[in-house]
PDB file of N, CA and C in Angstrom:
ATOM      1  N   MET A   1       0.845  -1.172   0.000  1.00  0.00           N
ATOM      2  CA  MET A   1       0.000   0.000   0.000  1.00  0.00           C
ATOM      3  C   MET A   1       0.887   1.229   0.000  1.00  0.00           C
ATOM      4  N   ASP A   2       0.473   2.206  -0.751  1.00  0.00           N
ATOM      5  CA  ASP A   2       1.163   3.490  -0.800  1.00  0.00           C
ATOM      6  C   ASP A   2       1.057   4.147   0.573  1.00  0.00           C
ATOM      7  N   THR A   3       2.145   4.697   1.080  1.00  0.00           N
ATOM      8  CA  THR A   3       2.181   5.310   2.405  1.00  0.00           C
ATOM      9  C   THR A   3       1.181   6.447   2.520  1.00  0.00           C
ATOM     10  N   ARG A   4       1.032   7.220   1.446  1.00  0.00           N
ATOM     11  CA  ARG A   4       0.080   8.337   1.485  1.00  0.00           C
ATOM     12  C   ARG A   4      -1.346   7.835   1.612  1.00  0.00           C
ATOM     13  N   LYS A   5      -1.680   6.736   0.935  1.00  0.00           N
ATOM     14  CA  LYS A   5      -3.027   6.160   1.054  1.00  0.00           C
ATOM     15  C   LYS A   5      -3.251   5.637   2.467  1.00  0.00           C
ATOM     16  N   GLY A   6      -2.220   5.001   3.019  1.00  0.00           N
ATOM     17  CA  GLY A   6      -2.329   4.489   4.384  1.00  0.00           C
ATOM     18  C   GLY A   6      -2.588   5.608   5.388  1.00  0.00           C
ATOM     19  N   HIS A   7      -1.891   6.737   5.229  1.00  0.00           N
ATOM     20  CA  HIS A   7      -2.094   7.877   6.112  1.00  0.00           C
ATOM     21  C   HIS A   7      -3.488   8.459   5.925  1.00  0.00           C
ATOM     22  N   ALA A   8      -3.965   8.513   4.692  1.00  0.00           N
ATOM     23  CA  ALA A   8      -5.298   9.050   4.412  1.00  0.00           C
ATOM     24  C   ALA A   8      -6.375   8.177   5.053  1.00  0.00           C
ATOM     25  N   VAL A   9      -6.206   6.853   4.979  1.00  0.00           N
ATOM     26  CA  VAL A   9      -7.163   5.927   5.596  1.00  0.00           C
ATOM     27  C   VAL A   9      -7.142   6.102   7.114  1.00  0.00           C
ATOM     28  N   CYS A  10      -5.958   6.169   7.692  1.00  0.00           N
ATOM     29  CA  CYS A  10      -5.838   6.363   9.145  1.00  0.00           C
ATOM     30  C   CYS A  10      -6.485   7.678   9.563  1.00  0.00           C
ATOM     31  N   ALA A  11      -6.257   8.742   8.794  1.00  0.00           N
ATOM     32  CA  ALA A  11      -6.831  10.046   9.118  1.00  0.00           C
ATOM     33  C   ALA A  11      -8.357   9.995   9.046  1.00  0.00           C
ATOM     34  N   ALA A  12      -8.890   9.285   8.045  1.00  0.00           N
ATOM     35  CA  ALA A  12     -10.339   9.175   7.907  1.00  0.00           C
ATOM     36  C   ALA A  12     -10.939   8.389   9.071  1.00  0.00           C
ATOM     37  N   VAL A  13     -10.304   7.290   9.458  1.00  0.00           N
ATOM     38  CA  VAL A  13     -10.785   6.485  10.589  1.00  0.00           C
ATOM     39  C   VAL A  13     -10.719   7.308  11.872  1.00  0.00           C
ATOM     40  N   LEU A  14      -9.638   8.023  12.067  1.00  0.00           N
ATOM     41  CA  LEU A  14      -9.478   8.852  13.246  1.00  0.00           C
ATOM     42  C   LEU A  14     -10.563   9.937  13.294  1.00  0.00           C
ATOM     43  N   ALA A  15     -10.865  10.554  12.169  1.00  0.00           N
ATOM     44  CA  ALA A  15     -11.894  11.594  12.119  1.00  0.00           C
ATOM     45  C   ALA A  15     -13.260  11.036  12.508  1.00  0.00           C
ATOM     46  N   VAL A  16     -13.582   9.829  12.046  1.00  0.00           N
ATOM     47  CA  VAL A  16     -14.857   9.192  12.398  1.00  0.00           C
ATOM     48  C   VAL A  16     -14.913   8.899  13.892  1.00  0.00           C
ATOM     49  N   LEU A  17     -13.823   8.387  14.449  1.00  0.00           N
ATOM     50  CA  LEU A  17     -13.790   8.072  15.875  1.00  0.00           C
ATOM     51  C   LEU A  17     -13.914   9.324  16.733  1.00  0.00           C
ATOM     52  N   VAL A  18     -13.219  10.377  16.367  1.00  0.00           N
ATOM     53  CA  VAL A  18     -13.290  11.624  17.123  1.00  0.00           C
ATOM     54  C   VAL A  18     -14.697  12.209  17.044  1.00  0.00           C
ATOM     55  N   ALA A  19     -15.322  12.141  15.886  1.00  0.00           N
ATOM     56  CA  ALA A  19     -16.688  12.659  15.735  1.00  0.00           C
ATOM     57  C   ALA A  19     -17.675  11.880  16.601  1.00  0.00           C
ATOM     58  N   ALA A  20     -17.417  10.617  16.860  1.00  0.00           N
ATOM     59  CA  ALA A  20     -18.320   9.786  17.657  1.00  0.00           C
ATOM     60  C   ALA A  20     -18.143   9.999  19.154  1.00  0.00           C
ATOM     61  N   LEU A  21     -17.038  10.565  19.592  1.00  0.00           N
ATOM     62  CA  LEU A  21     -16.763  10.724  21.020  1.00  0.00           C
ATOM     63  C   LEU A  21     -17.808  11.511  21.797  1.00  0.00           C
ATOM     64  N   PRO A  22     -18.340  12.632  21.307  1.00  0.00           N
ATOM     65  CA  PRO A  22     -19.321  13.363  22.107  1.00  0.00           C
ATOM     66  C   PRO A  22     -20.530  12.511  22.484  1.00  0.00           C
ATOM     67  N   GLY A  23     -20.890  11.564  21.678  1.00  0.00           N
ATOM     68  CA  GLY A  23     -22.018  10.696  21.983  1.00  0.00           C
ATOM     69  C   GLY A  23     -21.740   9.705  23.086  1.00  0.00           C
ATOM     70  N   CYS A  24     -20.473   9.508  23.408  1.00  0.00           N
ATOM     71  CA  CYS A  24     -20.130   8.555  24.459  1.00  0.00           C
ATOM     72  C   CYS A  24     -20.571   9.059  25.814  1.00  0.00           C
ATOM     73  N   GLY A  25     -20.251  10.276  26.165  1.00  0.00           N
ATOM     74  CA  GLY A  25     -20.684  10.881  27.416  1.00  0.00           C
ATOM     75  C   GLY A  25     -20.259  10.124  28.651  1.00  0.00           C
ATOM     76  N   GLY A  26     -19.217   9.358  28.568  1.00  0.00           N
ATOM     77  CA  GLY A  26     -18.775   8.638  29.745  1.00  0.00           C
ATOM     78  C   GLY A  26     -19.786   7.615  30.212  1.00  0.00           C
ATOM     79  N   GLY A  27     -20.622   7.123  29.309  1.00  0.00           N
ATOM     80  CA  GLY A  27     -21.619   6.138  29.695  1.00  0.00           C
ATOM     81  C   GLY A  27     -22.879   6.758  30.274  1.00  0.00           C
ATOM     82  N   LYS A  28     -23.029   8.082  30.234  1.00  0.00           N
ATOM     83  CA  LYS A  28     -24.168   8.729  30.858  1.00  0.00           C
ATOM     84  C   LYS A  28     -25.154   9.314  29.848  1.00  0.00           C
ATOM     85  N   ALA A  29     -24.961   9.086  28.562  1.00  0.00           N
ATOM     86  CA  ALA A  29     -25.822   9.693  27.559  1.00  0.00           C
ATOM     87  C   ALA A  29     -27.285   9.322  27.774  1.00  0.00           C
ATOM     88  N   ASN A  30     -27.581   8.106  28.115  1.00  0.00           N
ATOM     89  CA  ASN A  30     -28.953   7.662  28.332  1.00  0.00           C
ATOM     90  C   ASN A  30     -29.182   7.210  29.765  1.00  0.00           C
ATOM     91  N   ALA A  31     -28.390   7.718  30.699  1.00  0.00           N
ATOM     92  CA  ALA A  31     -28.489   7.297  32.093  1.00  0.00           C
ATOM     93  C   ALA A  31     -29.784   7.790  32.719  1.00  0.00           C
ATOM     94  N   SER A  32     -30.275   7.021  33.679  1.00  0.00           N
ATOM     95  CA  SER A  32     -31.452   7.394  34.447  1.00  0.00           C
ATOM     96  C   SER A  32     -31.086   7.400  35.919  1.00  0.00           C
ATOM     97  N   TYR A  33     -31.715   8.287  36.656  1.00  0.00           N
ATOM     98  CA  TYR A  33     -31.372   8.473  38.057  1.00  0.00           C
ATOM     99  C   TYR A  33     -32.610   8.382  38.939  1.00  0.00           C
ATOM    100  N   SER A  34     -32.377   7.997  40.187  1.00  0.00           N
ATOM    101  CA  SER A  34     -33.479   7.868  41.135  1.00  0.00           C
ATOM    102  C   SER A  34     -33.565   9.101  42.024  1.00  0.00           C
ATOM    103  N   ILE A  35     -34.758   9.295  42.592  1.00  0.00           N
ATOM    104  CA  ILE A  35     -35.004  10.373  43.542  1.00  0.00           C
ATOM    105  C   ILE A  35     -35.551   9.732  44.807  1.00  0.00           C
ATOM    106  N   GLY A  36     -34.952  10.048  45.930  1.00  0.00           N
ATOM    107  CA  GLY A  36     -35.405   9.492  47.197  1.00  0.00           C
ATOM    108  C   GLY A  36     -34.618  10.064  48.344  1.00  0.00           C
ATOM    109  N   GLY A  37     -34.647   9.357  49.454  1.00  0.00           N
ATOM    110  CA  GLY A  37     -33.943   9.797  50.651  1.00  0.00           C
ATOM    111  C   GLY A  37     -34.211   8.845  51.790  1.00  0.00           C
ATOM    112  N   ASN A  38     -34.357   9.392  52.976  1.00  0.00           N
ATOM    113  CA  ASN A  38     -34.619   8.594  54.167  1.00  0.00           C
ATOM    114  C   ASN A  38     -35.796   9.179  54.929  1.00  0.00           C
ATOM    115  N   VAL A  39     -36.496   8.306  55.656  1.00  0.00           N
ATOM    116  CA  VAL A  39     -37.575   8.714  56.548  1.00  0.00           C
ATOM    117  C   VAL A  39     -37.024   8.633  57.966  1.00  0.00           C
ATOM    118  N   TYR A  40     -37.257   9.701  58.735  1.00  0.00           N
ATOM    119  CA  TYR A  40     -36.807   9.758  60.125  1.00  0.00           C
ATOM    120  C   TYR A  40     -37.982  10.122  61.027  1.00  0.00           C
ATOM    121  N   GLY A  41     -38.081   9.483  62.185  1.00  0.00           N
ATOM    122  CA  GLY A  41     -39.034   9.863  63.220  1.00  0.00           C
ATOM    123  C   GLY A  41     -40.459   9.402  63.033  1.00  0.00           C
ATOM    124  N   LEU A  42     -40.741   8.612  62.024  1.00  0.00           N
ATOM    125  CA  LEU A  42     -42.102   8.126  61.797  1.00  0.00           C
ATOM    126  C   LEU A  42     -42.449   7.108  62.878  1.00  0.00           C
ATOM    127  N   ALA A  43     -43.566   7.343  63.593  1.00  0.00           N
ATOM    128  CA  ALA A  43     -43.978   6.440  64.672  1.00  0.00           C
ATOM    129  C   ALA A  43     -44.417   5.100  64.089  1.00  0.00           C
ATOM    130  N   PRO A  44     -44.237   4.004  64.850  1.00  0.00           N
ATOM    131  CA  PRO A  44     -44.702   2.690  64.392  1.00  0.00           C
ATOM    132  C   PRO A  44     -46.185   2.738  64.026  1.00  0.00           C
ATOM    133  N   GLY A  45     -46.522   2.171  62.893  1.00  0.00           N
ATOM    134  CA  GLY A  45     -47.898   2.169  62.409  1.00  0.00           C
ATOM    135  C   GLY A  45     -48.285   3.418  61.653  1.00  0.00           C
ATOM    136  N   GLY A  46     -47.397   4.406  61.604  1.00  0.00           N
ATOM    137  CA  GLY A  46     -47.684   5.651  60.904  1.00  0.00           C
ATOM    138  C   GLY A  46     -47.481   5.520  59.407  1.00  0.00           C
ATOM    139  N   THR A  47     -48.174   6.380  58.672  1.00  0.00           N
ATOM    140  CA  THR A  47     -48.058   6.411  57.211  1.00  0.00           C
ATOM    141  C   THR A  47     -48.004   7.864  56.763  1.00  0.00           C
ATOM    142  N   VAL A  48     -47.051   8.162  55.902  1.00  0.00           N
ATOM    143  CA  VAL A  48     -46.925   9.496  55.329  1.00  0.00           C
ATOM    144  C   VAL A  48     -46.921   9.363  53.812  1.00  0.00           C
ATOM    145  N   ALA A  49     -47.607  10.302  53.145  1.00  0.00           N
ATOM    146  CA  ALA A  49     -47.660  10.300  51.679  1.00  0.00           C
ATOM    147  C   ALA A  49     -46.839  11.475  51.154  1.00  0.00           C
ATOM    148  N   VAL A  50     -45.947  11.166  50.212  1.00  0.00           N
ATOM    149  CA  VAL A  50     -45.098  12.196  49.593  1.00  0.00           C
ATOM    150  C   VAL A  50     -45.347  12.174  48.091  1.00  0.00           C
ATOM    151  N   GLN A  51     -45.622  13.341  47.545  1.00  0.00           N
ATOM    152  CA  GLN A  51     -45.848  13.464  46.099  1.00  0.00           C
ATOM    153  C   GLN A  51     -44.677  14.192  45.475  1.00  0.00           C
ATOM    154  N   ASN A  52     -44.156  13.639  44.380  1.00  0.00           N
ATOM    155  CA  ASN A  52     -43.029  14.229  43.663  1.00  0.00           C
ATOM    156  C   ASN A  52     -43.463  14.554  42.241  1.00  0.00           C
ATOM    157  N   THR A  53     -43.202  15.787  41.832  1.00  0.00           N
ATOM    158  CA  THR A  53     -43.481  16.210  40.464  1.00  0.00           C
ATOM    159  C   THR A  53     -42.152  16.466  39.775  1.00  0.00           C
ATOM    160  N   THR A  54     -41.958  15.835  38.630  1.00  0.00           N
ATOM    161  CA  THR A  54     -40.724  16.006  37.873  1.00  0.00           C
ATOM    162  C   THR A  54     -41.020  16.643  36.519  1.00  0.00           C
ATOM    163  N   SER A  55     -40.053  17.372  36.019  1.00  0.00           N
ATOM    164  CA  SER A  55     -40.148  17.963  34.695  1.00  0.00           C
ATOM    165  C   SER A  55     -38.839  17.665  33.972  1.00  0.00           C
ATOM    166  N   VAL A  56     -38.913  16.820  32.954  1.00  0.00           N
ATOM    167  CA  VAL A  56     -37.715  16.440  32.211  1.00  0.00           C
ATOM    168  C   VAL A  56     -37.322  17.566  31.259  1.00  0.00           C
ATOM    169  N   PRO A  57     -36.081  17.550  30.762  1.00  0.00           N
ATOM    170  CA  PRO A  57     -35.592  18.649  29.921  1.00  0.00           C
ATOM    171  C   PRO A  57     -36.465  18.982  28.708  1.00  0.00           C
ATOM    172  N   ASN A  58     -37.204  18.028  28.165  1.00  0.00           N
ATOM    173  CA  ASN A  58     -38.045  18.339  26.997  1.00  0.00           C
ATOM    174  C   ASN A  58     -39.375  18.968  27.397  1.00  0.00           C
ATOM    175  N   GLY A  59     -39.590  19.166  28.701  1.00  0.00           N
ATOM    176  CA  GLY A  59     -40.784  19.843  29.173  1.00  0.00           C
ATOM    177  C   GLY A  59     -41.883  18.929  29.671  1.00  0.00           C
ATOM    178  N   ALA A  60     -41.787  17.630  29.451  1.00  0.00           N
ATOM    179  CA  ALA A  60     -42.824  16.715  29.923  1.00  0.00           C
ATOM    180  C   ALA A  60     -42.767  16.626  31.445  1.00  0.00           C
ATOM    181  N   ALA A  61     -43.935  16.667  32.068  1.00  0.00           N
ATOM    182  CA  ALA A  61     -44.001  16.593  33.527  1.00  0.00           C
ATOM    183  C   ALA A  61     -44.755  15.339  33.943  1.00  0.00           C
ATOM    184  N   SER A  62     -44.401  14.829  35.115  1.00  0.00           N
ATOM    185  CA  SER A  62     -45.124  13.686  35.663  1.00  0.00           C
ATOM    186  C   SER A  62     -45.144  13.801  37.179  1.00  0.00           C
ATOM    187  N   THR A  63     -46.107  13.139  37.776  1.00  0.00           N
ATOM    188  CA  THR A  63     -46.270  13.162  39.223  1.00  0.00           C
ATOM    189  C   THR A  63     -46.355  11.736  39.725  1.00  0.00           C
ATOM    190  N   GLU A  64     -45.703  11.488  40.859  1.00  0.00           N
ATOM    191  CA  GLU A  64     -45.742  10.162  41.474  1.00  0.00           C
ATOM    192  C   GLU A  64     -46.001  10.326  42.964  1.00  0.00           C
ATOM    193  N   LEU A  65     -46.873   9.486  43.497  1.00  0.00           N
ATOM    194  CA  LEU A  65     -47.190   9.481  44.923  1.00  0.00           C
ATOM    195  C   LEU A  65     -46.542   8.267  45.566  1.00  0.00           C
ATOM    196  N   LYS A  66     -45.851   8.499  46.668  1.00  0.00           N
ATOM    197  CA  LYS A  66     -45.174   7.410  47.383  1.00  0.00           C
ATOM    198  C   LYS A  66     -45.740   7.368  48.802  1.00  0.00           C
ATOM    199  N   ILE A  67     -46.243   6.192  49.203  1.00  0.00           N
ATOM    200  CA  ILE A  67     -46.756   5.980  50.548  1.00  0.00           C
ATOM    201  C   ILE A  67     -45.647   5.314  51.361  1.00  0.00           C
ATOM    202  N   LEU A  68     -45.245   5.960  52.442  1.00  0.00           N
ATOM    203  CA  LEU A  68     -44.149   5.473  53.274  1.00  0.00           C
ATOM    204  C   LEU A  68     -44.689   5.086  54.640  1.00  0.00           C
ATOM    205  N   ASN A  69     -44.312   3.899  55.131  1.00  0.00           N
ATOM    206  CA  ASN A  69     -44.833   3.439  56.416  1.00  0.00           C
ATOM    207  C   ASN A  69     -43.756   2.929  57.365  1.00  0.00           C
ATOM    208  N   SER A  70     -42.512   3.306  57.094  1.00  0.00           N
ATOM    209  CA  SER A  70     -41.429   2.919  58.007  1.00  0.00           C
ATOM    210  C   SER A  70     -40.259   3.885  57.839  1.00  0.00           C
ATOM    211  N   ASN A  71     -39.440   3.946  58.875  1.00  0.00           N
ATOM    212  CA  ASN A  71     -38.220   4.743  58.810  1.00  0.00           C
ATOM    213  C   ASN A  71     -37.198   4.025  57.940  1.00  0.00           C
ATOM    214  N   GLY A  72     -36.292   4.777  57.355  1.00  0.00           N
ATOM    215  CA  GLY A  72     -35.248   4.191  56.525  1.00  0.00           C
ATOM    216  C   GLY A  72     -35.294   4.720  55.109  1.00  0.00           C
ATOM    217  N   ALA A  73     -34.484   4.115  54.273  1.00  0.00           N
ATOM    218  CA  ALA A  73     -34.326   4.568  52.891  1.00  0.00           C
ATOM    219  C   ALA A  73     -35.568   4.279  52.052  1.00  0.00           C
ATOM    220  N   TYR A  74     -35.829   5.171  51.094  1.00  0.00           N
ATOM    221  CA  TYR A  74     -36.908   4.982  50.128  1.00  0.00           C
ATOM    222  C   TYR A  74     -36.485   5.655  48.816  1.00  0.00           C
ATOM    223  N   ALA A  75     -37.152   5.298  47.740  1.00  0.00           N
ATOM    224  CA  ALA A  75     -36.941   5.957  46.448  1.00  0.00           C
ATOM    225  C   ALA A  75     -38.238   5.879  45.653  1.00  0.00           C
ATOM    226  N   PHE A  76     -38.490   6.911  44.881  1.00  0.00           N
ATOM    227  CA  PHE A  76     -39.622   6.878  43.963  1.00  0.00           C
ATOM    228  C   PHE A  76     -39.315   5.856  42.876  1.00  0.00           C
ATOM    229  N   THR A  77     -40.347   5.260  42.335  1.00  0.00           N
ATOM    230  CA  THR A  77     -40.197   4.190  41.342  1.00  0.00           C
ATOM    231  C   THR A  77     -39.665   4.712  40.008  1.00  0.00           C
ATOM    232  N   THR A  78     -40.116   5.884  39.596  1.00  0.00           N
ATOM    233  CA  THR A  78     -39.768   6.427  38.288  1.00  0.00           C
ATOM    234  C   THR A  78     -38.331   6.938  38.267  1.00  0.00           C
ATOM    235  N   LEU A  79     -37.549   6.431  37.324  1.00  0.00           N
ATOM    236  CA  LEU A  79     -36.184   6.926  37.100  1.00  0.00           C
ATOM    237  C   LEU A  79     -36.256   8.066  36.093  1.00  0.00           C
ATOM    238  N   VAL A  80     -35.383   9.066  36.267  1.00  0.00           N
ATOM    239  CA  VAL A  80     -35.438  10.251  35.416  1.00  0.00           C
ATOM    240  C   VAL A  80     -34.071  10.546  34.802  1.00  0.00           C
ATOM    241  N   PRO A  81     -34.052  11.233  33.654  1.00  0.00           N
ATOM    242  CA  PRO A  81     -32.776  11.572  33.014  1.00  0.00           C
ATOM    243  C   PRO A  81     -32.104  12.773  33.687  1.00  0.00           C
ATOM    244  N   ASN A  82     -30.869  13.006  33.321  1.00  0.00           N
ATOM    245  CA  ASN A  82     -30.115  14.146  33.814  1.00  0.00           C
ATOM    246  C   ASN A  82     -30.856  15.445  33.494  1.00  0.00           C
ATOM    247  N   ASN A  83     -30.656  16.453  34.325  1.00  0.00           N
ATOM    248  CA  ASN A  83     -31.260  17.786  34.192  1.00  0.00           C
ATOM    249  C   ASN A  83     -32.765  17.817  34.447  1.00  0.00           C
ATOM    250  N   THR A  84     -33.323  16.750  34.991  1.00  0.00           N
ATOM    251  CA  THR A  84     -34.732  16.753  35.369  1.00  0.00           C
ATOM    252  C   THR A  84     -34.886  17.549  36.651  1.00  0.00           C
ATOM    253  N   THR A  85     -35.884  18.433  36.689  1.00  0.00           N
ATOM    254  CA  THR A  85     -36.171  19.149  37.931  1.00  0.00           C
ATOM    255  C   THR A  85     -37.223  18.366  38.704  1.00  0.00           C
ATOM    256  N   PHE A  86     -37.186  18.490  40.035  1.00  0.00           N
ATOM    257  CA  PHE A  86     -38.174  17.814  40.862  1.00  0.00           C
ATOM    258  C   PHE A  86     -38.623  18.739  41.980  1.00  0.00           C
ATOM    259  N   SER A  87     -39.851  18.507  42.438  1.00  0.00           N
ATOM    260  CA  SER A  87     -40.424  19.269  43.534  1.00  0.00           C
ATOM    261  C   SER A  87     -41.369  18.339  44.279  1.00  0.00           C
ATOM    262  N   ALA A  88     -41.119  18.159  45.578  1.00  0.00           N
ATOM    263  CA  ALA A  88     -41.899  17.210  46.368  1.00  0.00           C
ATOM    264  C   ALA A  88     -42.629  17.918  47.501  1.00  0.00           C
ATOM    265  N   THR A  89     -43.748  17.327  47.904  1.00  0.00           N
ATOM    266  CA  THR A  89     -44.520  17.833  49.035  1.00  0.00           C
ATOM    267  C   THR A  89     -45.077  16.656  49.823  1.00  0.00           C
ATOM    268  N   VAL A  90     -45.299  16.882  51.111  1.00  0.00           N
ATOM    269  CA  VAL A  90     -46.010  15.906  51.930  1.00  0.00           C
ATOM    270  C   VAL A  90     -47.493  16.165  51.693  1.00  0.00           C
ATOM    271  N   THR A  91     -48.215  15.161  51.230  1.00  0.00           N
ATOM    272  CA  THR A  91     -49.641  15.354  50.957  1.00  0.00           C
ATOM    273  C   THR A  91     -50.520  14.848  52.094  1.00  0.00           C
ATOM    274  N   THR A  92     -50.039  13.878  52.859  1.00  0.00           N
ATOM    275  CA  THR A  92     -50.793  13.358  53.996  1.00  0.00           C
ATOM    276  C   THR A  92     -49.833  13.048  55.133  1.00  0.00           C
ATOM    277  N   ASN A  93     -50.089  13.667  56.293  1.00  0.00           N
ATOM    278  CA  ASN A  93     -49.281  13.407  57.484  1.00  0.00           C
ATOM    279  C   ASN A  93     -49.864  12.233  58.268  1.00  0.00           C
ATOM    280  N   PRO A  94     -49.024  11.532  59.021  1.00  0.00           N
ATOM    281  CA  PRO A  94     -49.526  10.463  59.874  1.00  0.00           C
ATOM    282  C   PRO A  94     -50.346  11.046  61.032  1.00  0.00           C
ATOM    283  N   THR A  95     -51.274  10.280  61.544  1.00  0.00           N
ATOM    284  CA  THR A  95     -52.074  10.707  62.683  1.00  0.00           C
ATOM    285  C   THR A  95     -51.160  11.027  63.864  1.00  0.00           C
ATOM    286  N   GLY A  96     -51.330  12.214  64.428  1.00  0.00           N
ATOM    287  CA  GLY A  96     -50.557  12.616  65.591  1.00  0.00           C
ATOM    288  C   GLY A  96     -49.141  13.074  65.295  1.00  0.00           C
ATOM    289  N   GLU A  97     -48.776  13.182  64.028  1.00  0.00           N
ATOM    290  CA  GLU A  97     -47.434  13.628  63.648  1.00  0.00           C
ATOM    291  C   GLU A  97     -47.514  14.636  62.521  1.00  0.00           C
ATOM    292  N   VAL A  98     -46.450  15.373  62.368  1.00  0.00           N
ATOM    293  CA  VAL A  98     -46.289  16.241  61.209  1.00  0.00           C
ATOM    294  C   VAL A  98     -44.941  15.903  60.586  1.00  0.00           C
ATOM    295  N   CYS A  99     -44.916  15.829  59.263  1.00  0.00           N
ATOM    296  CA  CYS A  99     -43.687  15.491  58.543  1.00  0.00           C
ATOM    297  C   CYS A  99     -43.320  16.634  57.601  1.00  0.00           C
ATOM    298  N   LEU A 100     -42.050  16.934  57.552  1.00  0.00           N
ATOM    299  CA  LEU A 100     -41.508  17.954  56.662  1.00  0.00           C
ATOM    300  C   LEU A 100     -40.472  17.315  55.752  1.00  0.00           C
ATOM    301  N   LEU A 101     -40.242  17.959  54.619  1.00  0.00           N
ATOM    302  CA  LEU A 101     -39.235  17.469  53.676  1.00  0.00           C
ATOM    303  C   LEU A 101     -37.971  18.307  53.773  1.00  0.00           C
ATOM    304  N   GLU A 102     -36.858  17.634  53.756  1.00  0.00           N
ATOM    305  CA  GLU A 102     -35.561  18.283  53.673  1.00  0.00           C
ATOM    306  C   GLU A 102     -35.115  18.190  52.219  1.00  0.00           C
ATOM    307  N   ASN A 103     -34.699  19.299  51.632  1.00  0.00           N
ATOM    308  CA  ASN A 103     -34.291  19.356  50.221  1.00  0.00           C
ATOM    309  C   ASN A 103     -35.439  18.958  49.290  1.00  0.00           C
ATOM    310  N   PRO A 104     -36.591  19.648  49.384  1.00  0.00           N
ATOM    311  CA  PRO A 104     -37.772  19.229  48.629  1.00  0.00           C
ATOM    312  C   PRO A 104     -37.756  19.534  47.133  1.00  0.00           C
ATOM    313  N   ALA A 105     -36.759  20.259  46.655  1.00  0.00           N
ATOM    314  CA  ALA A 105     -36.725  20.589  45.227  1.00  0.00           C
ATOM    315  C   ALA A 105     -35.279  20.651  44.755  1.00  0.00           C
ATOM    316  N   GLY A 106     -35.105  20.399  43.464  1.00  0.00           N
ATOM    317  CA  GLY A 106     -33.760  20.467  42.903  1.00  0.00           C
ATOM    318  C   GLY A 106     -33.732  20.018  41.464  1.00  0.00           C
ATOM    319  N   THR A 107     -32.526  19.813  40.965  1.00  0.00           N
ATOM    320  CA  THR A 107     -32.298  19.368  39.594  1.00  0.00           C
ATOM    321  C   THR A 107     -31.305  18.218  39.621  1.00  0.00           C
ATOM    322  N   ILE A 108     -31.608  17.169  38.883  1.00  0.00           N
ATOM    323  CA  ILE A 108     -30.719  16.012  38.795  1.00  0.00           C
ATOM    324  C   ILE A 108     -29.456  16.425  38.046  1.00  0.00           C
ATOM    325  N   ALA A 109     -28.299  16.122  38.635  1.00  0.00           N
ATOM    326  CA  ALA A 109     -27.012  16.518  38.050  1.00  0.00           C
ATOM    327  C   ALA A 109     -26.088  15.304  37.941  1.00  0.00           C
ATOM    328  N   ASN A 110     -26.409  14.412  37.000  1.00  0.00           N
ATOM    329  CA  ASN A 110     -25.589  13.227  36.726  1.00  0.00           C
ATOM    330  C   ASN A 110     -25.384  12.330  37.942  1.00  0.00           C
ATOM    331  N   ALA A 111     -26.383  12.271  38.825  1.00  0.00           N
ATOM    332  CA  ALA A 111     -26.286  11.408  40.008  1.00  0.00           C
ATOM    333  C   ALA A 111     -27.678  11.174  40.579  1.00  0.00           C
ATOM    334  N   ASN A 112     -27.826  10.089  41.326  1.00  0.00           N
ATOM    335  CA  ASN A 112     -29.067   9.849  42.040  1.00  0.00           C
ATOM    336  C   ASN A 112     -29.250  10.942  43.084  1.00  0.00           C
ATOM    337  N   GLU A 113     -30.485  11.330  43.324  1.00  0.00           N
ATOM    338  CA  GLU A 113     -30.806  12.299  44.375  1.00  0.00           C
ATOM    339  C   GLU A 113     -31.245  11.514  45.594  1.00  0.00           C
ATOM    340  N   GLY A 114     -30.421  11.493  46.632  1.00  0.00           N
ATOM    341  CA  GLY A 114     -30.720  10.703  47.817  1.00  0.00           C
ATOM    342  C   GLY A 114     -30.915  11.522  49.067  1.00  0.00           C
ATOM    343  N   ASN A 115     -31.158  12.825  48.915  1.00  0.00           N
ATOM    344  CA  ASN A 115     -31.289  13.703  50.074  1.00  0.00           C
ATOM    345  C   ASN A 115     -32.679  14.294  50.237  1.00  0.00           C
ATOM    346  N   LEU A 116     -33.691  13.673  49.635  1.00  0.00           N
ATOM    347  CA  LEU A 116     -35.069  14.125  49.803  1.00  0.00           C
ATOM    348  C   LEU A 116     -35.609  13.427  51.060  1.00  0.00           C
ATOM    349  N   ASN A 117     -35.185  13.938  52.212  1.00  0.00           N
ATOM    350  CA  ASN A 117     -35.483  13.287  53.481  1.00  0.00           C
ATOM    351  C   ASN A 117     -36.834  13.720  54.035  1.00  0.00           C
ATOM    352  N   VAL A 118     -37.518  12.766  54.658  1.00  0.00           N
ATOM    353  CA  VAL A 118     -38.808  13.012  55.309  1.00  0.00           C
ATOM    354  C   VAL A 118     -38.533  12.961  56.809  1.00  0.00           C
ATOM    355  N   ILE A 119     -38.814  14.069  57.500  1.00  0.00           N
ATOM    356  CA  ILE A 119     -38.531  14.150  58.929  1.00  0.00           C
ATOM    357  C   ILE A 119     -39.857  14.351  59.652  1.00  0.00           C
ATOM    358  N   CYS A 120     -40.219  13.387  60.497  1.00  0.00           N
ATOM    359  CA  CYS A 120     -41.500  13.413  61.196  1.00  0.00           C
ATOM    360  C   CYS A 120     -41.290  13.618  62.688  1.00  0.00           C
ATOM    361  N   ALA A 121     -42.268  14.256  63.320  1.00  0.00           N
ATOM    362  CA  ALA A 121     -42.228  14.479  64.766  1.00  0.00           C
ATOM    363  C   ALA A 121     -43.653  14.484  65.296  1.00  0.00           C
ATOM    364  N   ALA A 122     -43.808  14.096  66.539  1.00  0.00           N
ATOM    365  CA  ALA A 122     -45.123  14.085  67.175  1.00  0.00           C
ATOM    366  C   ALA A 122     -45.650  15.507  67.324  1.00  0.00           C
ATOM    367  N   VAL A 123     -46.948  15.666  67.153  1.00  0.00           N
ATOM    368  CA  VAL A 123     -47.598  16.949  67.360  1.00  0.00           C
ATOM    369  C   VAL A 123     -47.829  17.113  68.855  1.00  0.00           C
ATOM    370  N   MET A 124     -47.428  18.250  69.395  1.00  0.00           N
ATOM    371  CA  MET A 124     -47.578  18.490  70.841  1.00  0.00           C
ATOM    372  C   MET A 124     -48.847  19.225  71.128  1.00  0.00           C
TER     373      MET A 124
END
């Protein structure tokens, strides 16, 4: 093979590979992330309802209701893409308690959101 042809072929292959790199995204181009956190202070037998509204980058919005009945980690079922905004509220408090959300709104930034904490306390 002529050396010049070999260099031209290598240059063409290299150009195709470099052009494809932006689509790689480090494996995150089509990644999905979870939204959740932990429940603290919920009395035994108590139930709290948390509603999360998400808006993905293309503008589509969805709402999911999560019923929580124990302390510990939880996550909403729906996985969302990067740059999705979320906003959560407590829709139903347990009897005799009030629950608040810590970090109730934000934007997904290439990672799971695990700080949407539900903090409950007895009503005095």
